[in-house]
Amino acid sequence: MVDEGRMFHVRNAFHTVAGGGSVKAVVRALDESGVPTPGKALTWVDSTIRRWFDCEAYRPHTYSEVAALEPGLAPGVLAKLDRDETYGIFYYNQLRTKKINGHNTRKVNDRTE
């Protein structure tokens, strides 16, 4: 289910950057508008916005790209999709690995910010 209130801000961020604005401009606009952060932070940070741009859920995928994932899709999902539309993909129970001081660390059940 899409949270339209949240998506309004995500769309604005994409339009700002696509129009030549910076991630810092997005952060500034969110802070100035009083949009609450996803956590307990008082202000937005660049890394949260950059994760939006890296997130598969916000990238447009064609029907054929989604169909290629069929073995991992819930039954009946493809039948509900319009072949002319694009879709975001959200993966559950994935591990995100990143290097900290040369060592791999893992975060289980990664969430999209």
C-alpha atoms as a PDB file:
ATOM      1  CA  MET A   1       0.000   0.000   0.000  1.00  0.00           C
ATOM      2  CA  VAL A   2       1.409   3.388  -1.001  1.00  0.00           C
ATOM      3  CA  ASP A   3       1.468   6.141   1.611  1.00  0.00           C
ATOM      4  CA  GLU A   4       0.493   9.064  -0.646  1.00  0.00           C
ATOM      5  CA  GLY A   5       1.576  11.668   1.923  1.00  0.00           C
ATOM      6  CA  ARG A   6       5.066  10.177   2.025  1.00  0.00           C
ATOM      7  CA  MET A   7       5.174   9.639  -1.737  1.00  0.00           C
ATOM      8  CA  PHE A   8       4.440  13.336  -2.279  1.00  0.00           C
ATOM      9  CA  HIS A   9       7.797  14.158  -0.671  1.00  0.00           C
ATOM     10  CA  VAL A  10       9.630  11.342  -2.478  1.00  0.00           C
ATOM     11  CA  ARG A  11       8.263  12.536  -5.850  1.00  0.00           C
ATOM     12  CA  ASN A  12       9.288  16.115  -5.049  1.00  0.00           C
ATOM     13  CA  ALA A  13      12.792  14.908  -4.227  1.00  0.00           C
ATOM     14  CA  PHE A  14      13.061  13.072  -7.568  1.00  0.00           C
ATOM     15  CA  HIS A  15      11.700  16.089  -9.480  1.00  0.00           C
ATOM     16  CA  THR A  16      14.105  18.438  -7.681  1.00  0.00           C
ATOM     17  CA  VAL A  17      17.165  16.339  -8.512  1.00  0.00           C
ATOM     18  CA  ALA A  18      15.989  15.547 -12.067  1.00  0.00           C
ATOM     19  CA  GLY A  19      15.579  19.301 -12.584  1.00  0.00           C
ATOM     20  CA  GLY A  20      19.189  19.958 -11.592  1.00  0.00           C
ATOM     21  CA  GLY A  21      18.713  20.482  -7.844  1.00  0.00           C
ATOM     22  CA  SER A  22      20.968  18.880  -5.284  1.00  0.00           C
ATOM     23  CA  VAL A  23      20.319  16.346  -2.554  1.00  0.00           C
ATOM     24  CA  LYS A  24      21.183  19.119  -0.086  1.00  0.00           C
ATOM     25  CA  ALA A  25      18.385  21.225  -1.604  1.00  0.00           C
ATOM     26  CA  VAL A  26      15.967  18.342  -0.985  1.00  0.00           C
ATOM     27  CA  VAL A  27      17.164  18.036   2.632  1.00  0.00           C
ATOM     28  CA  ARG A  28      16.760  21.782   3.151  1.00  0.00           C
ATOM     29  CA  ALA A  29      13.223  21.752   1.672  1.00  0.00           C
ATOM     30  CA  LEU A  30      12.140  18.832   3.871  1.00  0.00           C
ATOM     31  CA  ASP A  31      13.528  20.500   6.998  1.00  0.00           C
ATOM     32  CA  GLU A  32      11.998  23.889   6.141  1.00  0.00           C
ATOM     33  CA  SER A  33       8.620  22.258   5.462  1.00  0.00           C
ATOM     34  CA  GLY A  34       8.679  20.513   8.833  1.00  0.00           C
ATOM     35  CA  VAL A  35       8.423  17.028   7.319  1.00  0.00           C
ATOM     36  CA  PRO A  36       9.193  14.495  10.072  1.00  0.00           C
ATOM     37  CA  THR A  37      12.216  12.258   9.558  1.00  0.00           C
ATOM     38  CA  PRO A  38      11.725   8.467   9.333  1.00  0.00           C
ATOM     39  CA  GLY A  39      13.503   8.000  12.673  1.00  0.00           C
ATOM     40  CA  LYS A  40      14.001  10.156  15.714  1.00  0.00           C
ATOM     41  CA  ALA A  41      16.432  12.595  14.126  1.00  0.00           C
ATOM     42  CA  LEU A  42      15.546  16.267  14.318  1.00  0.00           C
ATOM     43  CA  THR A  43      16.720  17.026  10.787  1.00  0.00           C
ATOM     44  CA  TRP A  44      17.001  15.179   7.493  1.00  0.00           C
ATOM     45  CA  VAL A  45      20.380  13.886   6.288  1.00  0.00           C
ATOM     46  CA  ASP A  46      21.757  13.451   2.771  1.00  0.00           C
ATOM     47  CA  SER A  47      22.250   9.693   3.144  1.00  0.00           C
ATOM     48  CA  THR A  48      18.524   9.084   3.689  1.00  0.00           C
ATOM     49  CA  ILE A  49      17.648  10.910   0.471  1.00  0.00           C
ATOM     50  CA  ARG A  50      20.404   9.100  -1.449  1.00  0.00           C
ATOM     51  CA  ARG A  51      18.924   5.751  -0.297  1.00  0.00           C
ATOM     52  CA  TRP A  52      15.646   6.811  -1.945  1.00  0.00           C
ATOM     53  CA  PHE A  53      17.487   7.082  -5.259  1.00  0.00           C
ATOM     54  CA  ASP A  54      19.064   3.641  -4.773  1.00  0.00           C
ATOM     55  CA  CYS A  55      15.802   1.966  -3.743  1.00  0.00           C
ATOM     56  CA  GLU A  56      14.225  -0.522  -6.188  1.00  0.00           C
ATOM     57  CA  ALA A  57      10.777   0.429  -4.884  1.00  0.00           C
ATOM     58  CA  TYR A  58      11.110   3.902  -6.439  1.00  0.00           C
ATOM     59  CA  ARG A  59      12.678   2.836  -9.745  1.00  0.00           C
ATOM     60  CA  PRO A  60      10.351   2.180 -12.671  1.00  0.00           C
ATOM     61  CA  HIS A  61      10.376  -1.464 -13.823  1.00  0.00           C
ATOM     62  CA  THR A  62       8.511  -2.666 -16.906  1.00  0.00           C
ATOM     63  CA  TYR A  63       6.062  -5.537 -16.844  1.00  0.00           C
ATOM     64  CA  SER A  64       8.680  -7.804 -18.473  1.00  0.00           C
ATOM     65  CA  GLU A  65      11.247  -6.949 -15.791  1.00  0.00           C
ATOM     66  CA  VAL A  66       8.728  -7.853 -13.100  1.00  0.00           C
ATOM     67  CA  ALA A  67       7.704 -11.008 -15.004  1.00  0.00           C
ATOM     68  CA  ALA A  68      11.358 -12.139 -14.984  1.00  0.00           C
ATOM     69  CA  LEU A  69      11.051 -12.310 -11.183  1.00  0.00           C
ATOM     70  CA  GLU A  70       8.035 -14.650 -11.396  1.00  0.00           C
ATOM     71  CA  PRO A  71       9.477 -17.577  -9.392  1.00  0.00           C
ATOM     72  CA  GLY A  72       9.800 -15.200  -6.415  1.00  0.00           C
ATOM     73  CA  LEU A  73       6.440 -13.460  -6.802  1.00  0.00           C
ATOM     74  CA  ALA A  74       3.316 -14.296  -4.844  1.00  0.00           C
ATOM     75  CA  PRO A  75       0.785 -16.289  -6.894  1.00  0.00           C
ATOM     76  CA  GLY A  76      -1.472 -14.137  -9.061  1.00  0.00           C
ATOM     77  CA  VAL A  77       0.627 -10.963  -8.961  1.00  0.00           C
ATOM     78  CA  LEU A  78       1.399 -10.866 -12.693  1.00  0.00           C
ATOM     79  CA  ALA A  79      -2.261 -11.313 -13.614  1.00  0.00           C
ATOM     80  CA  LYS A  80      -3.078  -8.064 -11.772  1.00  0.00           C
ATOM     81  CA  LEU A  81      -0.421  -5.963 -13.518  1.00  0.00           C
ATOM     82  CA  ASP A  82      -0.991  -3.735 -16.546  1.00  0.00           C
ATOM     83  CA  ARG A  83       1.581  -4.514 -19.269  1.00  0.00           C
ATOM     84  CA  ASP A  84       1.827  -0.810 -20.194  1.00  0.00           C
ATOM     85  CA  GLU A  85       2.624   0.448 -16.682  1.00  0.00           C
ATOM     86  CA  THR A  86       5.823   0.519 -14.632  1.00  0.00           C
ATOM     87  CA  TYR A  87       6.215  -0.803 -11.110  1.00  0.00           C
ATOM     88  CA  GLY A  88       8.508  -0.489  -8.111  1.00  0.00           C
ATOM     89  CA  ILE A  89       9.908  -3.633  -6.533  1.00  0.00           C
ATOM     90  CA  PHE A  90      10.222  -4.120  -2.798  1.00  0.00           C
ATOM     91  CA  TYR A  91      12.186  -7.100  -1.501  1.00  0.00           C
ATOM     92  CA  TYR A  92      11.513  -8.601   1.912  1.00  0.00           C
ATOM     93  CA  ASN A  93      14.028 -10.349   4.162  1.00  0.00           C
ATOM     94  CA  GLN A  94      17.091  -9.236   2.230  1.00  0.00           C
ATOM     95  CA  LEU A  95      20.457  -8.650   3.794  1.00  0.00           C
ATOM     96  CA  ARG A  96      22.237  -5.379   3.156  1.00  0.00           C
ATOM     97  CA  THR A  97      25.994  -5.654   3.449  1.00  0.00           C
ATOM     98  CA  LYS A  98      28.339  -2.707   3.733  1.00  0.00           C
ATOM     99  CA  LYS A  99      31.984  -2.277   4.600  1.00  0.00           C
ATOM    100  CA  ILE A 100      32.953  -0.495   7.785  1.00  0.00           C
ATOM    101  CA  ASN A 101      36.665  -0.134   8.436  1.00  0.00           C
ATOM    102  CA  GLY A 102      37.386  -2.853   5.880  1.00  0.00           C
ATOM    103  CA  HIS A 103      35.024  -5.431   7.445  1.00  0.00           C
ATOM    104  CA  ASN A 104      31.673  -6.577   6.077  1.00  0.00           C
ATOM    105  CA  THR A 105      28.720  -6.018   8.363  1.00  0.00           C
ATOM    106  CA  ARG A 106      25.153  -7.101   7.730  1.00  0.00           C
ATOM    107  CA  LYS A 107      21.822  -5.596   8.624  1.00  0.00           C
ATOM    108  CA  VAL A 108      18.992  -8.150   8.552  1.00  0.00           C
ATOM    109  CA  ASN A 109      15.500  -7.336   7.237  1.00  0.00           C
ATOM    110  CA  ASP A 110      16.503  -4.066   5.652  1.00  0.00           C
ATOM    111  CA  ARG A 111      13.716  -1.493   5.304  1.00  0.00           C
ATOM    112  CA  THR A 112      13.252   1.243   2.780  1.00  0.00           C
ATOM    113  CA  GLU A 113      13.490   4.674   4.369  1.00  0.00           C
END
